[in-house]
PDB file of N, CA and C in Angstrom:
ATOM      1  N   MET A   1       0.847  -1.166   0.000  1.00  0.00           N
ATOM      2  CA  MET A   1       0.000   0.000   0.000  1.00  0.00           C
ATOM      3  C   MET A   1       0.901   1.240   0.000  1.00  0.00           C
ATOM      4  N   LEU A   2       0.618   2.160  -0.863  1.00  0.00           N
ATOM      5  CA  LEU A   2       1.386   3.384  -0.991  1.00  0.00           C
ATOM      6  C   LEU A   2       0.701   4.494  -0.223  1.00  0.00           C
ATOM      7  N   ALA A   3       1.448   5.207   0.594  1.00  0.00           N
ATOM      8  CA  ALA A   3       0.891   6.351   1.312  1.00  0.00           C
ATOM      9  C   ALA A   3       1.725   7.573   0.981  1.00  0.00           C
ATOM     10  N   LEU A   4       1.074   8.633   0.605  1.00  0.00           N
ATOM     11  CA  LEU A   4       1.737   9.885   0.274  1.00  0.00           C
ATOM     12  C   LEU A   4       1.621  10.809   1.470  1.00  0.00           C
ATOM     13  N   LEU A   5       2.749  11.313   1.936  1.00  0.00           N
ATOM     14  CA  LEU A   5       2.755  12.240   3.058  1.00  0.00           C
ATOM     15  C   LEU A   5       3.084  13.626   2.545  1.00  0.00           C
ATOM     16  N   VAL A   6       2.284  14.594   2.939  1.00  0.00           N
ATOM     17  CA  VAL A   6       2.467  15.967   2.496  1.00  0.00           C
ATOM     18  C   VAL A   6       2.609  16.838   3.730  1.00  0.00           C
ATOM     19  N   GLY A   7       3.679  17.635   3.807  1.00  0.00           N
ATOM     20  CA  GLY A   7       3.889  18.499   4.961  1.00  0.00           C
ATOM     21  C   GLY A   7       2.988  19.712   4.943  1.00  0.00           C
ATOM     22  N   CYS A   8       2.698  20.227   6.121  1.00  0.00           N
ATOM     23  CA  CYS A   8       1.870  21.420   6.244  1.00  0.00           C
ATOM     24  C   CYS A   8       2.747  22.621   6.528  1.00  0.00           C
ATOM     25  N   THR A   9       2.443  23.695   5.868  1.00  0.00           N
ATOM     26  CA  THR A   9       3.146  24.936   6.130  1.00  0.00           C
ATOM     27  C   THR A   9       2.142  25.962   6.590  1.00  0.00           C
ATOM     28  N   ASN A  10       2.604  26.954   7.293  1.00  0.00           N
ATOM     29  CA  ASN A  10       1.699  27.974   7.805  1.00  0.00           C
ATOM     30  C   ASN A  10       1.883  29.249   7.007  1.00  0.00           C
ATOM     31  N   ASN A  11       1.047  29.420   5.989  1.00  0.00           N
ATOM     32  CA  ASN A  11       1.039  30.684   5.269  1.00  0.00           C
ATOM     33  C   ASN A  11      -0.397  31.090   5.046  1.00  0.00           C
ATOM     34  N   SER A  12      -0.615  32.336   4.694  1.00  0.00           N
ATOM     35  CA  SER A  12      -1.961  32.888   4.650  1.00  0.00           C
ATOM     36  C   SER A  12      -2.862  32.247   3.611  1.00  0.00           C
ATOM     37  N   SER A  13      -2.319  31.625   2.567  1.00  0.00           N
ATOM     38  CA  SER A  13      -3.173  31.042   1.542  1.00  0.00           C
ATOM     39  C   SER A  13      -3.459  29.561   1.779  1.00  0.00           C
ATOM     40  N   SER A  14      -2.942  29.001   2.852  1.00  0.00           N
ATOM     41  CA  SER A  14      -3.145  27.575   3.085  1.00  0.00           C
ATOM     42  C   SER A  14      -4.157  27.340   4.193  1.00  0.00           C
ATOM     43  N   THR A  15      -4.547  26.069   4.328  1.00  0.00           N
ATOM     44  CA  THR A  15      -5.409  25.670   5.415  1.00  0.00           C
ATOM     45  C   THR A  15      -4.679  25.961   6.722  1.00  0.00           C
ATOM     46  N   PRO A  16      -5.378  26.483   7.718  1.00  0.00           N
ATOM     47  CA  PRO A  16      -4.703  26.762   8.985  1.00  0.00           C
ATOM     48  C   PRO A  16      -3.990  25.514   9.498  1.00  0.00           C
ATOM     49  N   GLU A  17      -2.789  25.712   9.994  1.00  0.00           N
ATOM     50  CA  GLU A  17      -1.946  24.612  10.443  1.00  0.00           C
ATOM     51  C   GLU A  17      -2.666  23.702  11.433  1.00  0.00           C
ATOM     52  N   THR A  18      -3.564  24.276  12.216  1.00  0.00           N
ATOM     53  CA  THR A  18      -4.231  23.477  13.234  1.00  0.00           C
ATOM     54  C   THR A  18      -5.116  22.384  12.655  1.00  0.00           C
ATOM     55  N   ILE A  19      -5.704  22.583  11.490  1.00  0.00           N
ATOM     56  CA  ILE A  19      -6.589  21.561  10.924  1.00  0.00           C
ATOM     57  C   ILE A  19      -5.855  20.638   9.956  1.00  0.00           C
ATOM     58  N   CYS A  20      -4.730  21.054   9.452  1.00  0.00           N
ATOM     59  CA  CYS A  20      -3.944  20.254   8.518  1.00  0.00           C
ATOM     60  C   CYS A  20      -3.472  18.984   9.223  1.00  0.00           C
ATOM     61  N   GLY A  21      -3.686  17.829   8.586  1.00  0.00           N
ATOM     62  CA  GLY A  21      -3.244  16.583   9.191  1.00  0.00           C
ATOM     63  C   GLY A  21      -4.069  15.395   8.747  1.00  0.00           C
ATOM     64  N   THR A  22      -3.948  14.303   9.505  1.00  0.00           N
ATOM     65  CA  THR A  22      -4.657  13.062   9.217  1.00  0.00           C
ATOM     66  C   THR A  22      -5.602  12.732  10.367  1.00  0.00           C
ATOM     67  N   TYR A  23      -6.800  12.297  10.012  1.00  0.00           N
ATOM     68  CA  TYR A  23      -7.860  11.985  10.969  1.00  0.00           C
ATOM     69  C   TYR A  23      -8.417  10.596  10.674  1.00  0.00           C
ATOM     70  N   THR A  24      -8.844   9.894  11.719  1.00  0.00           N
ATOM     71  CA  THR A  24      -9.473   8.590  11.522  1.00  0.00           C
ATOM     72  C   THR A  24     -10.791   8.515  12.276  1.00  0.00           C
ATOM     73  N   SER A  25     -11.663   7.655  11.766  1.00  0.00           N
ATOM     74  CA  SER A  25     -12.931   7.348  12.416  1.00  0.00           C
ATOM     75  C   SER A  25     -13.169   5.852  12.257  1.00  0.00           C
ATOM     76  N   GLY A  26     -13.517   5.186  13.328  1.00  0.00           N
ATOM     77  CA  GLY A  26     -13.752   3.747  13.273  1.00  0.00           C
ATOM     78  C   GLY A  26     -12.464   2.966  13.451  1.00  0.00           C
ATOM     79  N   GLU A  27     -12.610   1.646  13.478  1.00  0.00           N
ATOM     80  CA  GLU A  27     -11.455   0.780  13.691  1.00  0.00           C
ATOM     81  C   GLU A  27     -11.427  -0.356  12.682  1.00  0.00           C
ATOM     82  N   ALA A  28     -10.246  -0.904  12.527  1.00  0.00           N
ATOM     83  CA  ALA A  28      -9.992  -2.069  11.661  1.00  0.00           C
ATOM     84  C   ALA A  28     -10.599  -1.861  10.282  1.00  0.00           C
ATOM     85  N   GLU A  29     -11.367  -2.833   9.804  1.00  0.00           N
ATOM     86  CA  GLU A  29     -11.882  -2.759   8.436  1.00  0.00           C
ATOM     87  C   GLU A  29     -12.914  -1.653   8.243  1.00  0.00           C
ATOM     88  N   PHE A  30     -13.466  -1.120   9.327  1.00  0.00           N
ATOM     89  CA  PHE A  30     -14.468  -0.062   9.228  1.00  0.00           C
ATOM     90  C   PHE A  30     -13.860   1.336   9.333  1.00  0.00           C
ATOM     91  N   GLN A  31     -12.534   1.416   9.423  1.00  0.00           N
ATOM     92  CA  GLN A  31     -11.861   2.702   9.585  1.00  0.00           C
ATOM     93  C   GLN A  31     -11.982   3.565   8.329  1.00  0.00           C
ATOM     94  N   LYS A  32     -12.265   4.831   8.565  1.00  0.00           N
ATOM     95  CA  LYS A  32     -12.292   5.826   7.508  1.00  0.00           C
ATOM     96  C   LYS A  32     -11.165   6.808   7.799  1.00  0.00           C
ATOM     97  N   ILE A  33     -10.467   7.247   6.757  1.00  0.00           N
ATOM     98  CA  ILE A  33      -9.337   8.159   6.916  1.00  0.00           C
ATOM     99  C   ILE A  33      -9.621   9.425   6.135  1.00  0.00           C
ATOM    100  N   LEU A  34      -9.381  10.552   6.760  1.00  0.00           N
ATOM    101  CA  LEU A  34      -9.574  11.842   6.115  1.00  0.00           C
ATOM    102  C   LEU A  34      -8.317  12.671   6.353  1.00  0.00           C
ATOM    103  N   ALA A  35      -7.729  13.172   5.280  1.00  0.00           N
ATOM    104  CA  ALA A  35      -6.522  13.998   5.386  1.00  0.00           C
ATOM    105  C   ALA A  35      -6.814  15.377   4.817  1.00  0.00           C
ATOM    106  N   VAL A  36      -6.270  16.398   5.464  1.00  0.00           N
ATOM    107  CA  VAL A  36      -6.386  17.779   4.995  1.00  0.00           C
ATOM    108  C   VAL A  36      -4.973  18.291   4.764  1.00  0.00           C
ATOM    109  N   ASP A  37      -4.683  18.736   3.529  1.00  0.00           N
ATOM    110  CA  ASP A  37      -3.334  19.225   3.240  1.00  0.00           C
ATOM    111  C   ASP A  37      -3.256  20.747   3.290  1.00  0.00           C
ATOM    112  N   GLN A  38      -2.056  21.273   3.029  1.00  0.00           N
ATOM    113  CA  GLN A  38      -1.802  22.704   3.133  1.00  0.00           C
ATOM    114  C   GLN A  38      -2.492  23.510   2.037  1.00  0.00           C
ATOM    115  N   ASN A  39      -3.039  22.854   1.018  1.00  0.00           N
ATOM    116  CA  ASN A  39      -3.727  23.544  -0.081  1.00  0.00           C
ATOM    117  C   ASN A  39      -5.240  23.457   0.038  1.00  0.00           C
ATOM    118  N   ASN A  40      -5.738  23.192   1.238  1.00  0.00           N
ATOM    119  CA  ASN A  40      -7.174  23.088   1.510  1.00  0.00           C
ATOM    120  C   ASN A  40      -7.809  21.836   0.925  1.00  0.00           C
ATOM    121  N   GLN A  41      -7.026  20.913   0.390  1.00  0.00           N
ATOM    122  CA  GLN A  41      -7.569  19.695  -0.207  1.00  0.00           C
ATOM    123  C   GLN A  41      -7.889  18.664   0.878  1.00  0.00           C
ATOM    124  N   VAL A  42      -9.011  17.979   0.701  1.00  0.00           N
ATOM    125  CA  VAL A  42      -9.439  16.909   1.593  1.00  0.00           C
ATOM    126  C   VAL A  42      -9.368  15.600   0.816  1.00  0.00           C
ATOM    127  N   TYR A  43      -8.769  14.588   1.420  1.00  0.00           N
ATOM    128  CA  TYR A  43      -8.689  13.253   0.835  1.00  0.00           C
ATOM    129  C   TYR A  43      -9.390  12.296   1.794  1.00  0.00           C
ATOM    130  N   TYR A  44     -10.513  11.735   1.355  1.00  0.00           N
ATOM    131  CA  TYR A  44     -11.302  10.824   2.181  1.00  0.00           C
ATOM    132  C   TYR A  44     -11.153   9.410   1.633  1.00  0.00           C
ATOM    133  N   ALA A  45     -10.785   8.466   2.495  1.00  0.00           N
ATOM    134  CA  ALA A  45     -10.618   7.075   2.072  1.00  0.00           C
ATOM    135  C   ALA A  45     -11.425   6.142   2.965  1.00  0.00           C
ATOM    136  N   ASP A  46     -12.284   5.369   2.323  1.00  0.00           N
ATOM    137  CA  ASP A  46     -13.029   4.294   2.966  1.00  0.00           C
ATOM    138  C   ASP A  46     -12.658   3.044   2.173  1.00  0.00           C
ATOM    139  N   GLN A  47     -11.567   2.392   2.578  1.00  0.00           N
ATOM    140  CA  GLN A  47     -11.019   1.277   1.805  1.00  0.00           C
ATOM    141  C   GLN A  47     -11.962   0.079   1.730  1.00  0.00           C
ATOM    142  N   LYS A  48     -12.706  -0.187   2.790  1.00  0.00           N
ATOM    143  CA  LYS A  48     -13.633  -1.328   2.796  1.00  0.00           C
ATOM    144  C   LYS A  48     -14.639  -1.214   1.656  1.00  0.00           C
ATOM    145  N   ASN A  49     -15.102   0.008   1.386  1.00  0.00           N
ATOM    146  CA  ASN A  49     -16.094   0.240   0.337  1.00  0.00           C
ATOM    147  C   ASN A  49     -15.473   0.764  -0.956  1.00  0.00           C
ATOM    148  N   ASP A  50     -14.128   0.727  -1.050  1.00  0.00           N
ATOM    149  CA  ASP A  50     -13.410   1.199  -2.233  1.00  0.00           C
ATOM    150  C   ASP A  50     -13.873   2.598  -2.643  1.00  0.00           C
ATOM    151  N   CYS A  51     -13.932   3.482  -1.664  1.00  0.00           N
ATOM    152  CA  CYS A  51     -14.426   4.846  -1.865  1.00  0.00           C
ATOM    153  C   CYS A  51     -13.306   5.840  -1.548  1.00  0.00           C
ATOM    154  N   PHE A  52     -12.917   6.632  -2.551  1.00  0.00           N
ATOM    155  CA  PHE A  52     -11.847   7.617  -2.393  1.00  0.00           C
ATOM    156  C   PHE A  52     -12.348   8.943  -2.957  1.00  0.00           C
ATOM    157  N   ILE A  53     -12.544   9.925  -2.084  1.00  0.00           N
ATOM    158  CA  ILE A  53     -13.162  11.190  -2.482  1.00  0.00           C
ATOM    159  C   ILE A  53     -12.207  12.351  -2.246  1.00  0.00           C
ATOM    160  N   LEU A  54     -12.134  13.236  -3.224  1.00  0.00           N
ATOM    161  CA  LEU A  54     -11.352  14.470  -3.131  1.00  0.00           C
ATOM    162  C   LEU A  54     -12.316  15.621  -2.884  1.00  0.00           C
ATOM    163  N   GLY A  55     -11.944  16.517  -1.999  1.00  0.00           N
ATOM    164  CA  GLY A  55     -12.778  17.680  -1.713  1.00  0.00           C
ATOM    165  C   GLY A  55     -11.924  18.826  -1.232  1.00  0.00           C
ATOM    166  N   GLU A  56     -12.568  19.779  -0.578  1.00  0.00           N
ATOM    167  CA  GLU A  56     -11.829  20.904  -0.012  1.00  0.00           C
ATOM    168  C   GLU A  56     -12.483  21.341   1.283  1.00  0.00           C
ATOM    169  N   VAL A  57     -11.689  22.026   2.093  1.00  0.00           N
ATOM    170  CA  VAL A  57     -12.180  22.568   3.349  1.00  0.00           C
ATOM    171  C   VAL A  57     -11.775  24.033   3.417  1.00  0.00           C
ATOM    172  N   ARG A  58     -12.673  24.852   3.927  1.00  0.00           N
ATOM    173  CA  ARG A  58     -12.414  26.297   4.061  1.00  0.00           C
ATOM    174  C   ARG A  58     -12.831  26.750   5.453  1.00  0.00           C
ATOM    175  N   GLN A  59     -11.973  27.556   6.070  1.00  0.00           N
ATOM    176  CA  GLN A  59     -12.325  28.111   7.368  1.00  0.00           C
ATOM    177  C   GLN A  59     -13.385  29.178   7.160  1.00  0.00           C
ATOM    178  N   GLN A  60     -14.454  29.115   7.950  1.00  0.00           N
ATOM    179  CA  GLN A  60     -15.540  30.077   7.858  1.00  0.00           C
ATOM    180  C   GLN A  60     -15.317  31.233   8.834  1.00  0.00           C
ATOM    181  N   LYS A  61     -15.276  30.904  10.103  1.00  0.00           N
ATOM    182  CA  LYS A  61     -15.100  31.904  11.150  1.00  0.00           C
ATOM    183  C   LYS A  61     -14.669  31.176  12.417  1.00  0.00           C
ATOM    184  N   GLY A  62     -13.567  31.610  12.990  1.00  0.00           N
ATOM    185  CA  GLY A  62     -13.081  30.971  14.212  1.00  0.00           C
ATOM    186  C   GLY A  62     -12.781  29.501  14.007  1.00  0.00           C
ATOM    187  N   ASP A  63     -13.463  28.641  14.770  1.00  0.00           N
ATOM    188  CA  ASP A  63     -13.230  27.199  14.662  1.00  0.00           C
ATOM    189  C   ASP A  63     -14.277  26.497  13.787  1.00  0.00           C
ATOM    190  N   SER A  64     -14.994  27.276  12.978  1.00  0.00           N
ATOM    191  CA  SER A  64     -16.001  26.731  12.070  1.00  0.00           C
ATOM    192  C   SER A  64     -15.428  26.584  10.660  1.00  0.00           C
ATOM    193  N   TYR A  65     -15.665  25.423  10.048  1.00  0.00           N
ATOM    194  CA  TYR A  65     -15.139  25.116   8.716  1.00  0.00           C
ATOM    195  C   TYR A  65     -16.255  24.587   7.831  1.00  0.00           C
ATOM    196  N   LEU A  66     -16.072  24.726   6.514  1.00  0.00           N
ATOM    197  CA  LEU A  66     -16.988  24.174   5.528  1.00  0.00           C
ATOM    198  C   LEU A  66     -16.242  23.118   4.732  1.00  0.00           C
ATOM    199  N   ILE A  67     -16.820  21.924   4.638  1.00  0.00           N
ATOM    200  CA  ILE A  67     -16.235  20.864   3.822  1.00  0.00           C
ATOM    201  C   ILE A  67     -17.138  20.653   2.609  1.00  0.00           C
ATOM    202  N   SER A  68     -16.508  20.540   1.452  1.00  0.00           N
ATOM    203  CA  SER A  68     -17.232  20.326   0.201  1.00  0.00           C
ATOM    204  C   SER A  68     -16.554  19.181  -0.545  1.00  0.00           C
ATOM    205  N   CYS A  69     -17.282  18.095  -0.744  1.00  0.00           N
ATOM    206  CA  CYS A  69     -16.712  16.899  -1.379  1.00  0.00           C
ATOM    207  C   CYS A  69     -17.622  16.360  -2.469  1.00  0.00           C
ATOM    208  N   GLN A  70     -18.192  17.214  -3.282  1.00  0.00           N
ATOM    209  CA  GLN A  70     -19.052  16.737  -4.366  1.00  0.00           C
ATOM    210  C   GLN A  70     -18.209  15.967  -5.364  1.00  0.00           C
ATOM    211  N   SER A  71     -18.647  14.783  -5.709  1.00  0.00           N
ATOM    212  CA  SER A  71     -17.871  13.887  -6.553  1.00  0.00           C
ATOM    213  C   SER A  71     -18.747  13.312  -7.659  1.00  0.00           C
ATOM    214  N   SER A  72     -18.221  13.296  -8.874  1.00  0.00           N
ATOM    215  CA  SER A  72     -18.979  12.711  -9.981  1.00  0.00           C
ATOM    216  C   SER A  72     -19.137  11.201  -9.794  1.00  0.00           C
ATOM    217  N   ASN A  73     -18.181  10.567  -9.143  1.00  0.00           N
ATOM    218  CA  ASN A  73     -18.249   9.119  -8.924  1.00  0.00           C
ATOM    219  C   ASN A  73     -19.060   8.725  -7.698  1.00  0.00           C
ATOM    220  N   TYR A  74     -19.091   9.582  -6.693  1.00  0.00           N
ATOM    221  CA  TYR A  74     -19.723   9.220  -5.426  1.00  0.00           C
ATOM    222  C   TYR A  74     -20.891  10.118  -5.050  1.00  0.00           C
ATOM    223  N   GLY A  75     -21.338  10.974  -5.972  1.00  0.00           N
ATOM    224  CA  GLY A  75     -22.488  11.827  -5.704  1.00  0.00           C
ATOM    225  C   GLY A  75     -22.291  12.673  -4.469  1.00  0.00           C
ATOM    226  N   ASP A  76     -23.303  12.710  -3.638  1.00  0.00           N
ATOM    227  CA  ASP A  76     -23.215  13.529  -2.424  1.00  0.00           C
ATOM    228  C   ASP A  76     -23.030  12.658  -1.182  1.00  0.00           C
ATOM    229  N   ARG A  77     -22.170  11.648  -1.287  1.00  0.00           N
ATOM    230  CA  ARG A  77     -21.878  10.765  -0.151  1.00  0.00           C
ATOM    231  C   ARG A  77     -21.456  11.592   1.066  1.00  0.00           C
ATOM    232  N   ILE A  78     -20.632  12.631   0.817  1.00  0.00           N
ATOM    233  CA  ILE A  78     -20.278  13.584   1.872  1.00  0.00           C
ATOM    234  C   ILE A  78     -20.868  14.923   1.440  1.00  0.00           C
ATOM    235  N   PRO A  79     -22.050  15.276   1.940  1.00  0.00           N
ATOM    236  CA  PRO A  79     -22.675  16.531   1.513  1.00  0.00           C
ATOM    237  C   PRO A  79     -21.903  17.746   2.037  1.00  0.00           C
ATOM    238  N   ASP A  80     -22.048  18.880   1.332  1.00  0.00           N
ATOM    239  CA  ASP A  80     -21.457  20.123   1.832  1.00  0.00           C
ATOM    240  C   ASP A  80     -22.016  20.372   3.227  1.00  0.00           C
ATOM    241  N   GLN A  81     -21.121  20.706   4.165  1.00  0.00           N
ATOM    242  CA  GLN A  81     -21.565  20.923   5.539  1.00  0.00           C
ATOM    243  C   GLN A  81     -20.532  21.696   6.332  1.00  0.00           C
ATOM    244  N   GLU A  82     -21.020  22.404   7.335  1.00  0.00           N
ATOM    245  CA  GLU A  82     -20.131  23.093   8.270  1.00  0.00           C
ATOM    246  C   GLU A  82     -19.874  22.167   9.443  1.00  0.00           C
ATOM    247  N   PHE A  83     -18.675  22.300  10.011  1.00  0.00           N
ATOM    248  CA  PHE A  83     -18.347  21.549  11.217  1.00  0.00           C
ATOM    249  C   PHE A  83     -17.463  22.411  12.098  1.00  0.00           C
ATOM    250  N   THR A  84     -17.383  22.042  13.357  1.00  0.00           N
ATOM    251  CA  THR A  84     -16.547  22.746  14.322  1.00  0.00           C
ATOM    252  C   THR A  84     -15.328  21.888  14.626  1.00  0.00           C
ATOM    253  N   TYR A  85     -14.145  22.494  14.489  1.00  0.00           N
ATOM    254  CA  TYR A  85     -12.886  21.813  14.788  1.00  0.00           C
ATOM    255  C   TYR A  85     -12.429  22.238  16.173  1.00  0.00           C
ATOM    256  N   ASP A  86     -12.245  21.274  17.080  1.00  0.00           N
ATOM    257  CA  ASP A  86     -11.886  21.597  18.465  1.00  0.00           C
ATOM    258  C   ASP A  86     -10.395  21.461  18.759  1.00  0.00           C
ATOM    259  N   GLY A  87      -9.574  21.319  17.711  1.00  0.00           N
ATOM    260  CA  GLY A  87      -8.141  21.154  17.899  1.00  0.00           C
ATOM    261  C   GLY A  87      -7.713  19.700  17.960  1.00  0.00           C
ATOM    262  N   LYS A  88      -8.672  18.803  18.175  1.00  0.00           N
ATOM    263  CA  LYS A  88      -8.379  17.373  18.259  1.00  0.00           C
ATOM    264  C   LYS A  88      -9.150  16.567  17.224  1.00  0.00           C
ATOM    265  N   GLY A  89     -10.217  17.153  16.694  1.00  0.00           N
ATOM    266  CA  GLY A  89     -11.034  16.435  15.730  1.00  0.00           C
ATOM    267  C   GLY A  89     -12.326  17.159  15.437  1.00  0.00           C
ATOM    268  N   PHE A  90     -13.235  16.456  14.753  1.00  0.00           N
ATOM    269  CA  PHE A  90     -14.508  17.036  14.340  1.00  0.00           C
ATOM    270  C   PHE A  90     -15.461  15.907  13.970  1.00  0.00           C
ATOM    271  N   ALA A  91     -16.719  16.243  13.775  1.00  0.00           N
ATOM    272  CA  ALA A  91     -17.726  15.273  13.344  1.00  0.00           C
ATOM    273  C   ALA A  91     -18.349  15.767  12.050  1.00  0.00           C
ATOM    274  N   ILE A  92     -18.520  14.845  11.091  1.00  0.00           N
ATOM    275  CA  ILE A  92     -19.208  15.168   9.841  1.00  0.00           C
ATOM    276  C   ILE A  92     -20.182  14.036   9.510  1.00  0.00           C
ATOM    277  N   THR A  93     -21.128  14.346   8.624  1.00  0.00           N
ATOM    278  CA  THR A  93     -22.116  13.370   8.191  1.00  0.00           C
ATOM    279  C   THR A  93     -21.687  12.759   6.863  1.00  0.00           C
ATOM    280  N   ILE A  94     -21.689  11.432   6.811  1.00  0.00           N
ATOM    281  CA  ILE A  94     -21.347  10.686   5.596  1.00  0.00           C
ATOM    282  C   ILE A  94     -22.490   9.704   5.347  1.00  0.00           C
ATOM    283  N   GLN A  95     -23.125   9.823   4.200  1.00  0.00           N
ATOM    284  CA  GLN A  95     -24.273   8.985   3.840  1.00  0.00           C
ATOM    285  C   GLN A  95     -25.323   8.961   4.946  1.00  0.00           C
ATOM    286  N   GLY A  96     -25.614  10.123   5.505  1.00  0.00           N
ATOM    287  CA  GLY A  96     -26.654  10.245   6.509  1.00  0.00           C
ATOM    288  C   GLY A  96     -26.271   9.810   7.908  1.00  0.00           C
ATOM    289  N   GLU A  97     -25.040   9.354   8.109  1.00  0.00           N
ATOM    290  CA  GLU A  97     -24.582   8.907   9.422  1.00  0.00           C
ATOM    291  C   GLU A  97     -23.470   9.824   9.929  1.00  0.00           C
ATOM    292  N   ARG A  98     -23.514  10.147  11.213  1.00  0.00           N
ATOM    293  CA  ARG A  98     -22.538  11.043  11.831  1.00  0.00           C
ATOM    294  C   ARG A  98     -21.291  10.258  12.237  1.00  0.00           C
ATOM    295  N   PHE A  99     -20.112  10.767  11.837  1.00  0.00           N
ATOM    296  CA  PHE A  99     -18.841  10.134  12.183  1.00  0.00           C
ATOM    297  C   PHE A  99     -17.941  11.135  12.894  1.00  0.00           C
ATOM    298  N   GLU A 100     -17.323  10.685  13.982  1.00  0.00           N
ATOM    299  CA  GLU A 100     -16.360  11.487  14.730  1.00  0.00           C
ATOM    300  C   GLU A 100     -14.964  11.162  14.206  1.00  0.00           C
ATOM    301  N   PHE A 101     -14.241  12.182  13.752  1.00  0.00           N
ATOM    302  CA  PHE A 101     -12.871  12.001  13.272  1.00  0.00           C
ATOM    303  C   PHE A 101     -11.903  12.569  14.298  1.00  0.00           C
ATOM    304  N   GLU A 102     -10.910  11.764  14.669  1.00  0.00           N
ATOM    305  CA  GLU A 102      -9.898  12.158  15.648  1.00  0.00           C
ATOM    306  C   GLU A 102      -8.560  12.344  14.938  1.00  0.00           C
ATOM    307  N   LYS A 103      -7.862  13.432  15.276  1.00  0.00           N
ATOM    308  CA  LYS A 103      -6.565  13.714  14.661  1.00  0.00           C
ATOM    309  C   LYS A 103      -5.524  12.729  15.183  1.00  0.00           C
ATOM    310  N   ILE A 104      -4.809  12.092  14.229  1.00  0.00           N
ATOM    311  CA  ILE A 104      -3.761  11.150  14.623  1.00  0.00           C
ATOM    312  C   ILE A 104      -2.374  11.647  14.246  1.00  0.00           C
ATOM    313  N   ASP A 105      -2.302  12.667  13.386  1.00  0.00           N
ATOM    314  CA  ASP A 105      -1.007  13.198  12.964  1.00  0.00           C
ATOM    315  C   ASP A 105      -1.198  14.588  12.378  1.00  0.00           C
ATOM    316  N   ASP A 106      -0.182  15.435  12.544  1.00  0.00           N
ATOM    317  CA  ASP A 106      -0.210  16.776  11.952  1.00  0.00           C
ATOM    318  C   ASP A 106       0.145  16.758  10.473  1.00  0.00           C
ATOM    319  N   ILE A 107       0.633  15.624   9.987  1.00  0.00           N
ATOM    320  CA  ILE A 107       1.009  15.490   8.577  1.00  0.00           C
ATOM    321  C   ILE A 107      -0.105  14.741   7.851  1.00  0.00           C
ATOM    322  N   PRO A 108      -0.619  15.297   6.745  1.00  0.00           N
ATOM    323  CA  PRO A 108      -1.661  14.591   6.002  1.00  0.00           C
ATOM    324  C   PRO A 108      -1.117  13.335   5.323  1.00  0.00           C
ATOM    325  N   SER A 109      -1.800  12.223   5.485  1.00  0.00           N
ATOM    326  CA  SER A 109      -1.422  10.952   4.860  1.00  0.00           C
ATOM    327  C   SER A 109      -2.505  10.560   3.867  1.00  0.00           C
ATOM    328  N   VAL A 110      -2.126  10.440   2.609  1.00  0.00           N
ATOM    329  CA  VAL A 110      -3.066  10.051   1.564  1.00  0.00           C
ATOM    330  C   VAL A 110      -2.846   8.574   1.273  1.00  0.00           C
ATOM    331  N   ILE A 111      -3.901   7.787   1.368  1.00  0.00           N
ATOM    332  CA  ILE A 111      -3.823   6.348   1.139  1.00  0.00           C
ATOM    333  C   ILE A 111      -3.899   6.072  -0.357  1.00  0.00           C
ATOM    334  N   GLY A 112      -2.893   5.379  -0.876  1.00  0.00           N
ATOM    335  CA  GLY A 112      -2.885   5.022  -2.293  1.00  0.00           C
ATOM    336  C   GLY A 112      -2.495   6.176  -3.194  1.00  0.00           C
ATOM    337  N   ASP A 113      -2.748   6.002  -4.466  1.00  0.00           N
ATOM    338  CA  ASP A 113      -2.415   6.986  -5.496  1.00  0.00           C
ATOM    339  C   ASP A 113      -3.415   8.138  -5.460  1.00  0.00           C
ATOM    340  N   VAL A 114      -2.925   9.356  -5.462  1.00  0.00           N
ATOM    341  CA  VAL A 114      -3.775  10.544  -5.432  1.00  0.00           C
ATOM    342  C   VAL A 114      -4.757  10.542  -6.608  1.00  0.00           C
ATOM    343  N   ALA A 115      -4.385   9.934  -7.727  1.00  0.00           N
ATOM    344  CA  ALA A 115      -5.250   9.886  -8.912  1.00  0.00           C
ATOM    345  C   ALA A 115      -6.540   9.092  -8.661  1.00  0.00           C
ATOM    346  N   ARG A 116      -6.579   8.263  -7.626  1.00  0.00           N
ATOM    347  CA  ARG A 116      -7.799   7.497  -7.292  1.00  0.00           C
ATOM    348  C   ARG A 116      -8.911   8.376  -6.757  1.00  0.00           C
ATOM    349  N   TYR A 117      -8.545   9.503  -6.201  1.00  0.00           N
ATOM    350  CA  TYR A 117      -9.510  10.366  -5.525  1.00  0.00           C
ATOM    351  C   TYR A 117     -10.245  11.230  -6.540  1.00  0.00           C
ATOM    352  N   SER A 118     -11.584  11.218  -6.455  1.00  0.00           N
ATOM    353  CA  SER A 118     -12.375  12.053  -7.362  1.00  0.00           C
ATOM    354  C   SER A 118     -13.581  12.605  -6.641  1.00  0.00           C
TER     355      SER A 118
END
């Protein structure tokens, strides 16, 4: 399995350093991984369901963020939504179910080839 690691930098045009990183929800085969890089890109991987979605995140105000992951291959599996980042993680809705994502690293880890994400 190939994992791409992308470092986060703190500059005004990038995602705030505090949200940049890798997050997980669930365990073992049910684990979902979400990475946010320094260019506001979101990489969502649900390997069990062979689902790899590319999106973006934008800071709205304070600790409020907007995630947008509309995908031609996956429809609105992750609908546009605001969430609150508490410095350790956040919760978002995926296919109508709420998932808590916990930060596991400050460096974004992309599972597999970036070209898989759409």
